[in-house]
Each structure stands twice: as C-alpha cells, then as structure tokens.
C-alpha cells in the first residue's frame, strides 16, 4: 500500500510540474495561458479526489488510456491494433464511452490518452471530449485525418491535444506507414503551427530508427516546427516477422541516459526551451519537464511490461 501511495504521490507531483511548465510556455499566448491557469485549478481538484480515495484505500492513477476504436485508415507494419484483428462492432458506443470517462473523472483521473486504431475516425470524438473540459485529452493520431475541420476542433477545445505519430525521417515513416505519409505530416504540422495549437509528436522507437529518434538535431528540427511535447515509446513485437524491430539490449539500457540528455537539451537551446518531453521505457512511464523527473510509475516492478499499457475498454 505504501508503495502504491509513493507512485501516486510522484505522479501527482509530476502533473503539477508538467502543467506549471506548460504555463511558462504559454505566457506569450494569452488565451492559452488562461486555459493553462484553469487547468492548474482543475488538476488540483482532481488530485484532491484521488487523495480522498487514498483515505478509503482506493488507489486512483491520474492517467488513463482508452483505445476508442479498432478502425484505422493505415496499415502500419507491426501495429498492435491491426495484429489483434478485433471486430469493429466491439467498439464502445458514445454513451458507454461518456459513462467510462465520467466515472474516471469522478474518481480523479485528470488526463486521458485517446488511442486506437485511429481515434479521429470516430465522428463523435469531439462531441464527447467537449463534455469534459477539465480533463486533458492527448489524442494519438497518425495525422492523416487532420484537416481544416478537425484542426478547428482542436483549436476550439484547448484541452484536446493532437499527438502526431512519426517514425523518424521520410524514409523511415513512409516505409512503416505508407508512401507520402511523411510529407503529408510535415504539411499538417506546419498548418497546425500557424494556429498556435499546443501539439506534440509520438515516436515508436525501433532498432533501425533508434539512432535517428535519439539524435539531438532531429528533435531540435521538430521543435522548430512547433512541437511542444514528445513521447518516446519502445516497440514491442506483436506480429510475426517484426522481432528485428525490437530494441537491442544495449539500446534499451541507453534510453535513460539519452532521455536525461534530452531533458537538458530542451532547455539549453533557445528554440527548445519551450518544449516538454515524455519517455516510456519498458515497465516505467516517465513524464519529464526540463531536467526534472516529474513522474515515474512501474505498476508491476518485478515483471516488465510494454508501456504505455494501452487498454481497450469495453
């Protein structure tokens, strides 16, 4: 029980630091700064609900991940959702999804990551998130459904953050996701940057792309494009024939040191000072801000698991 409490305390502290740094980033954008100030208040309220639960021996994490659909417009090599081959009819209805989010909200969950499939395929997604303005929804998207209409929705709902998935440079992204995807993403990112939307980029670290994704100049180029948040997720083989994509033991061991270097770099260079980074090594979720470790969670310390642990709620 004490161990669980330590994890929750650490995550609560991490969220406070993460949102506080987001406020620093937004100071030059008044409307965004106002939203961040509101978010700080909402996060404190959610933290209080979690702490109240602790008094009743109910341990509630601040984060939740929901795979809102199995459908996707791409067929990426090694995709876990594609490998599961679940029936689309198993998706939660709008009502069920709202109910699940509402229950999580009442327990004190304050950040819900929306994954898929491709979450933007759901036509009801923004209608659902609009009902929970005090929850932060990072939406993990392959970027292809992003268009003026969806970008306008993200602009309107500042608590819903597009997190665009890339594999690295043009050849790496196109090889795994399809020809032309990389150039499309660059065009979309440039369009989003003009709207001042707070957005991030997610990488799946594989054996062949590891050196590119952990290259300081590569990350710096994406910060120049406007990304404020980065997720590094290690690839876990879910399809036969993709085992050679898994990180080598040496690469895995080097992740922590490389990420610490990123934390320093993000604040050392002027154009990188306005960004946040998140990293997900095996068995541990780390959300970092600057040079500070702001959250660490290993739900099963004795048994490493793929992370983030994407959950399809039914």
Protein backbone atom coordinates (compact mmCIF):
# COMPACT_ATOMS: atom_id res chain seq x y z
CA UNK A 1 0.00 0.00 0.00
CA UNK A 2 2.83 2.41 0.87
CA UNK A 3 4.47 1.59 -2.47
CA UNK A 4 1.25 2.47 -4.34
CA UNK A 5 0.98 5.71 -2.39
CA UNK A 6 4.54 6.63 -3.33
CA UNK A 7 3.75 6.12 -7.01
CA UNK A 8 0.61 8.22 -6.79
CA UNK A 9 2.39 10.98 -4.87
CA UNK A 10 5.11 11.03 -7.52
CA UNK A 11 2.60 11.20 -10.37
CA UNK A 12 0.65 13.97 -8.65
CA UNK A 13 3.85 15.96 -8.29
CA UNK A 14 4.70 15.22 -11.91
CA UNK A 15 1.40 16.60 -13.19
CA UNK A 16 1.81 19.78 -11.14
CA UNK A 17 5.28 20.35 -12.61
CA UNK A 18 4.19 19.45 -16.14
CA UNK A 19 1.22 21.83 -16.13
CA UNK A 20 3.33 24.52 -14.47
CA UNK A 21 5.89 24.31 -17.26
CA UNK A 22 3.09 24.39 -19.82
CA UNK A 23 2.04 27.70 -18.26
CA UNK A 24 5.56 29.09 -18.75
CA UNK A 25 5.45 28.04 -22.39
CA UNK A 26 2.08 29.73 -22.96
CA UNK A 27 2.82 33.11 -21.37
CA UNK A 28 3.19 34.79 -24.77
CA UNK A 29 -0.21 33.46 -25.84
CA UNK A 30 -2.88 34.96 -23.51
CA UNK A 31 -5.77 32.66 -24.46
CA UNK A 32 -3.64 29.56 -23.99
CA UNK A 33 -2.22 30.90 -20.73
CA UNK A 34 -5.76 31.42 -19.42
CA UNK A 35 -6.63 27.82 -20.27
CA UNK A 36 -3.48 26.55 -18.53
CA UNK A 37 -4.38 28.55 -15.41
CA UNK A 38 -7.80 26.91 -15.41
CA UNK A 39 -6.15 23.52 -15.94
CA UNK A 40 -3.96 24.04 -12.88
CA UNK A 41 -7.08 24.57 -10.80
CA UNK A 42 -8.82 21.54 -12.35
CA UNK A 43 -5.76 19.34 -11.82
CA UNK A 44 -5.66 20.35 -8.15
CA UNK A 45 -9.33 19.43 -7.77
CA UNK A 46 -8.73 16.04 -9.41
CA UNK A 47 -5.71 15.45 -7.18
CA UNK A 48 -7.88 16.13 -4.13
CA UNK A 49 -10.38 13.49 -5.32
CA UNK A 50 -7.53 10.99 -5.73
CA UNK A 51 -6.18 11.78 -2.26
CA UNK A 52 -9.68 11.36 -0.82
CA UNK A 53 -9.75 7.94 -2.45
CA UNK A 54 -6.43 7.08 -0.84
CA UNK A 55 -8.01 7.61 2.58
CA UNK A 56 -10.50 4.87 1.62
CA UNK A 57 -7.75 2.59 0.30
CA UNK A 58 -8.80 3.32 -3.29
CA UNK A 59 -5.72 3.95 -5.44
CA UNK A 60 -6.54 6.06 -8.50
CA UNK A 61 -3.85 6.97 -11.05
CA UNK A 62 -4.13 10.39 -12.69
CA UNK A 63 -3.70 8.87 -16.16
CA UNK A 64 -5.98 6.63 -18.20
CA UNK A 65 -5.52 5.30 -21.74
CA UNK A 66 -8.52 4.32 -23.85
CA UNK A 67 -8.40 2.75 -27.29
CA UNK A 68 -11.60 4.29 -28.62
CA UNK A 69 -11.66 2.38 -31.90
CA UNK A 70 -10.02 -0.52 -33.71
CA UNK A 71 -10.55 1.09 -37.12
CA UNK A 72 -7.67 2.80 -38.89
CA UNK A 73 -7.01 4.35 -42.29
CA UNK A 74 -3.44 2.99 -42.36
CA UNK A 75 -1.92 -0.48 -42.06
CA UNK A 76 1.39 0.18 -40.37
CA UNK A 77 3.95 -2.58 -40.09
CA UNK A 78 3.93 -4.09 -36.59
CA UNK A 79 0.75 -2.30 -35.44
CA UNK A 80 -0.64 -3.86 -32.26
CA UNK A 81 -4.25 -2.87 -33.05
CA UNK A 82 -4.01 -4.43 -36.51
CA UNK A 83 -2.47 -7.59 -35.08
CA UNK A 84 -5.36 -8.05 -32.63
CA UNK A 85 -7.89 -8.20 -35.52
CA UNK A 86 -10.82 -7.33 -33.30
CA UNK A 87 -14.25 -6.78 -34.73
CA UNK A 88 -15.20 -3.13 -35.19
CA UNK A 89 -18.58 -3.89 -33.67
CA UNK A 90 -16.85 -4.29 -30.29
CA UNK A 91 -16.25 -0.56 -30.02
CA UNK A 92 -17.90 1.25 -27.15
CA UNK A 93 -20.94 3.28 -28.04
CA UNK A 94 -20.92 7.04 -27.48
CA UNK A 95 -22.99 6.55 -24.35
CA UNK A 96 -20.67 3.89 -22.91
CA UNK A 97 -17.58 5.95 -23.66
CA UNK A 98 -19.08 9.02 -21.98
CA UNK A 99 -20.02 6.88 -18.99
CA UNK A 100 -16.49 5.46 -18.66
CA UNK A 101 -14.91 8.93 -18.86
CA UNK A 102 -17.44 10.34 -16.39
CA UNK A 103 -16.68 7.59 -13.86
CA UNK A 104 -12.94 8.14 -14.30
CA UNK A 105 -13.43 11.89 -13.83
CA UNK A 106 -15.36 11.38 -10.59
CA UNK A 107 -12.56 9.17 -9.26
CA UNK A 108 -9.94 11.82 -10.01
CA UNK A 109 -8.47 10.78 -13.35
CA UNK A 110 -7.45 14.04 -14.97
CA UNK A 111 -5.51 13.06 -18.11
CA UNK A 112 -7.00 10.54 -20.56
CA UNK A 113 -4.91 9.50 -23.55
CA UNK A 114 -7.08 8.56 -26.54
CA UNK A 115 -5.62 5.91 -28.83
CA UNK A 116 -6.87 3.48 -31.47
CA UNK A 117 -6.82 2.37 -34.20
CA UNK A 118 -7.10 5.94 -35.38
CA UNK A 119 -9.20 7.86 -32.82
CA UNK A 120 -10.10 10.68 -35.22
CA UNK A 121 -12.08 8.17 -37.30
CA UNK A 122 -14.80 8.35 -34.63
CA UNK A 123 -17.19 11.12 -35.70
CA UNK A 124 -18.40 11.55 -32.10
CA UNK A 125 -14.96 12.09 -30.56
CA UNK A 126 -15.02 15.87 -30.20
CA UNK A 127 -18.64 15.85 -29.09
CA UNK A 128 -17.63 13.52 -26.25
CA UNK A 129 -14.49 15.40 -25.19
CA UNK A 130 -16.42 18.69 -25.19
CA UNK A 131 -18.42 17.41 -22.23
CA UNK A 132 -15.27 17.13 -20.09
CA UNK A 133 -13.40 20.46 -20.37
CA UNK A 134 -11.47 19.82 -17.14
CA UNK A 135 -9.83 16.63 -18.47
CA UNK A 136 -6.77 16.82 -20.71
CA UNK A 137 -7.13 14.53 -23.74
CA UNK A 138 -3.91 13.85 -25.71
CA UNK A 139 -5.15 12.24 -28.95
CA UNK A 140 -2.64 9.88 -30.57
CA UNK A 141 -3.24 10.22 -34.30
CA UNK A 142 -1.42 9.13 -37.43
CA UNK A 143 -2.16 12.63 -38.72
CA UNK A 144 -3.85 11.63 -41.95
CA UNK A 145 -7.41 12.63 -40.86
CA UNK A 146 -6.20 16.08 -39.78
CA UNK A 147 -7.81 18.70 -41.99
CA UNK A 148 -9.11 22.27 -41.53
CA UNK A 149 -12.27 20.98 -39.81
CA UNK A 150 -10.50 18.75 -37.26
CA UNK A 151 -7.81 21.38 -36.67
CA UNK A 152 -10.60 23.86 -35.92
CA UNK A 153 -11.99 21.44 -33.31
CA UNK A 154 -8.58 21.17 -31.64
CA UNK A 155 -8.35 24.96 -31.71
CA UNK A 156 -11.75 25.24 -30.03
CA UNK A 157 -11.11 22.57 -27.39
CA UNK A 158 -7.75 23.50 -25.89
CA UNK A 159 -7.90 20.51 -23.53
CA UNK A 160 -7.72 18.14 -26.53
CA UNK A 161 -4.12 17.88 -27.78
CA UNK A 162 -3.13 16.31 -31.11
CA UNK A 163 -0.17 13.95 -30.68
CA UNK A 164 1.06 13.07 -34.15
CA UNK A 165 2.82 9.74 -34.71
CA UNK A 166 6.02 9.63 -36.77
CA UNK A 167 8.73 7.02 -37.24
CA UNK A 168 11.66 9.35 -37.88
CA UNK A 169 12.81 10.75 -41.20
CA UNK A 170 10.91 10.47 -44.51
CA UNK A 171 12.19 7.00 -45.45
CA UNK A 172 11.52 5.52 -42.00
CA UNK A 173 8.00 6.97 -41.76
CA UNK A 174 6.99 6.03 -45.30
CA UNK A 175 8.46 2.53 -45.00
CA UNK A 176 6.30 1.70 -41.99
CA UNK A 177 3.24 3.88 -42.60
CA UNK A 178 2.98 4.23 -46.38
CA UNK A 179 4.35 6.28 -49.24
CA UNK A 180 3.72 10.01 -48.93
CA UNK A 181 2.78 9.95 -45.24
CA UNK A 182 5.85 11.89 -44.07
CA UNK A 183 5.34 14.82 -46.45
CA UNK A 184 1.66 14.96 -45.51
CA UNK A 185 2.57 15.12 -41.81
CA UNK A 186 5.05 17.93 -42.36
CA UNK A 187 2.38 19.95 -44.19
CA UNK A 188 -0.12 19.27 -41.40
CA UNK A 189 2.38 20.23 -38.68
CA UNK A 190 3.17 23.49 -40.47
CA UNK A 191 -0.56 24.25 -40.69
CA UNK A 192 -1.10 23.45 -37.00
CA UNK A 193 1.83 25.64 -36.00
CA UNK A 194 0.12 28.64 -37.60
CA UNK A 195 -2.95 28.11 -35.39
CA UNK A 196 -0.92 28.19 -32.13
CA UNK A 197 -2.39 24.85 -31.07
CA UNK A 198 -0.41 23.07 -28.33
CA UNK A 199 0.60 19.80 -30.03
CA UNK A 200 3.12 17.01 -29.68
CA UNK A 201 4.79 14.18 -31.57
CA UNK A 202 4.95 10.50 -30.67
CA UNK A 203 7.72 8.14 -31.76
CA UNK A 204 7.86 4.36 -31.66
CA UNK A 205 11.49 3.50 -31.01
CA UNK A 206 12.63 0.56 -33.12
CA UNK A 207 16.04 -0.97 -33.66
CA UNK A 208 16.64 0.68 -37.07
CA UNK A 209 15.19 4.11 -36.14
CA UNK A 210 16.71 4.39 -32.68
CA UNK A 211 19.74 6.48 -33.69
CA UNK A 212 17.59 8.93 -35.66
CA UNK A 213 14.96 9.36 -32.93
CA UNK A 214 17.58 9.95 -30.25
CA UNK A 215 19.53 12.43 -32.37
CA UNK A 216 19.54 15.90 -30.85
CA UNK A 217 19.44 17.69 -34.20
CA UNK A 218 16.40 15.67 -35.30
CA UNK A 219 14.43 16.60 -32.17
CA UNK A 220 15.56 20.18 -32.48
CA UNK A 221 14.19 20.35 -36.04
CA UNK A 222 10.77 19.25 -34.81
CA UNK A 223 10.80 21.81 -32.02
CA UNK A 224 11.40 24.44 -34.68
CA UNK A 225 8.26 23.16 -36.40
CA UNK A 226 6.35 23.91 -33.20
CA UNK A 227 6.10 20.64 -31.26
CA UNK A 228 5.78 21.24 -27.52
CA UNK A 229 5.60 17.63 -26.33
CA UNK A 230 7.38 14.39 -27.25
CA UNK A 231 6.54 10.76 -26.47
CA UNK A 232 9.16 8.02 -26.96
CA UNK A 233 7.57 4.56 -26.89
CA UNK A 234 9.56 1.35 -27.23
CA UNK A 235 8.35 -1.09 -29.88
CA UNK A 236 7.03 -4.41 -28.59
CA UNK A 237 6.69 -7.15 -31.27
CA UNK A 238 3.06 -8.16 -31.77
CA UNK A 239 3.34 -9.62 -35.29
CA UNK A 240 5.49 -12.48 -36.53
CA UNK A 241 8.39 -11.24 -38.57
CA UNK A 242 8.78 -7.93 -36.72
CA UNK A 243 11.05 -9.19 -33.96
CA UNK A 244 14.01 -7.45 -35.60
CA UNK A 245 12.29 -4.11 -34.92
CA UNK A 246 12.62 -4.54 -31.14
CA UNK A 247 15.33 -2.51 -29.44
CA UNK A 248 18.56 -4.33 -28.68
CA UNK A 249 19.50 -4.79 -25.01
CA UNK A 250 22.21 -2.15 -25.48
CA UNK A 251 19.73 0.35 -26.92
CA UNK A 252 17.27 -0.31 -24.11
CA UNK A 253 19.96 0.22 -21.47
CA UNK A 254 20.97 3.51 -23.06
CA UNK A 255 17.46 5.00 -23.13
CA UNK A 256 17.56 6.51 -19.66
CA UNK A 257 20.84 8.32 -20.25
CA UNK A 258 19.74 9.58 -23.66
CA UNK A 259 16.48 10.92 -22.26
CA UNK A 260 18.30 12.69 -19.45
CA UNK A 261 20.40 14.36 -22.12
CA UNK A 262 17.23 15.42 -23.96
CA UNK A 263 15.85 16.97 -20.78
CA UNK A 264 18.94 19.10 -20.51
CA UNK A 265 18.96 19.95 -24.22
CA UNK A 266 15.32 21.03 -24.30
CA UNK A 267 16.17 23.91 -22.01
CA UNK A 268 19.75 24.60 -23.09
CA UNK A 269 18.92 25.68 -26.63
CA UNK A 270 16.73 28.79 -27.04
CA UNK A 271 14.44 27.26 -29.65
CA UNK A 272 14.00 24.12 -27.50
CA UNK A 273 13.30 25.89 -24.23
CA UNK A 274 9.57 25.95 -24.86
CA UNK A 275 9.05 22.20 -25.11
CA UNK A 276 8.25 19.29 -22.85
CA UNK A 277 9.29 15.66 -23.27
CA UNK A 278 7.83 12.36 -22.19
CA UNK A 279 9.54 8.99 -22.42
CA UNK A 280 8.24 5.47 -21.96
CA UNK A 281 10.96 2.85 -21.31
CA UNK A 282 9.91 -0.77 -20.61
CA UNK A 283 7.96 -1.14 -17.36
CA UNK A 284 8.22 2.55 -16.45
CA UNK A 285 6.34 5.66 -17.58
CA UNK A 286 8.39 8.84 -17.20
CA UNK A 287 6.94 12.28 -17.84
CA UNK A 288 9.74 14.79 -17.79
CA UNK A 289 9.94 18.53 -17.88
CA UNK A 290 13.27 20.20 -18.39
CA UNK A 291 15.85 18.35 -16.33
CA UNK A 292 13.37 17.15 -13.70
CA UNK A 293 11.82 13.72 -13.47
CA UNK A 294 8.18 14.52 -12.86
CA UNK A 295 6.53 11.13 -12.76
CA UNK A 296 7.60 7.52 -12.56
CA UNK A 297 5.30 4.55 -12.39
CA UNK A 298 6.07 0.87 -12.57
CA UNK A 299 2.77 -0.95 -11.93
CA UNK A 300 4.46 -4.38 -11.78
CA UNK A 301 8.08 -3.80 -10.67
CA UNK A 302 9.05 -7.46 -10.81
CA UNK A 303 7.65 -8.01 -14.31
CA UNK A 304 8.46 -5.57 -17.13
CA UNK A 305 5.50 -4.82 -19.37
CA UNK A 306 5.14 -2.90 -22.65
CA UNK A 307 4.43 0.76 -21.89
CA UNK A 308 2.39 2.78 -22.18
CA UNK A 309 -0.03 -0.08 -21.41
CA UNK A 310 -2.72 0.71 -23.95
CA UNK A 311 -6.08 -0.54 -22.72
CA UNK A 312 -9.15 -1.16 -24.83
CA UNK A 313 -12.11 -0.52 -22.53
CA UNK A 314 -15.20 -2.45 -23.49
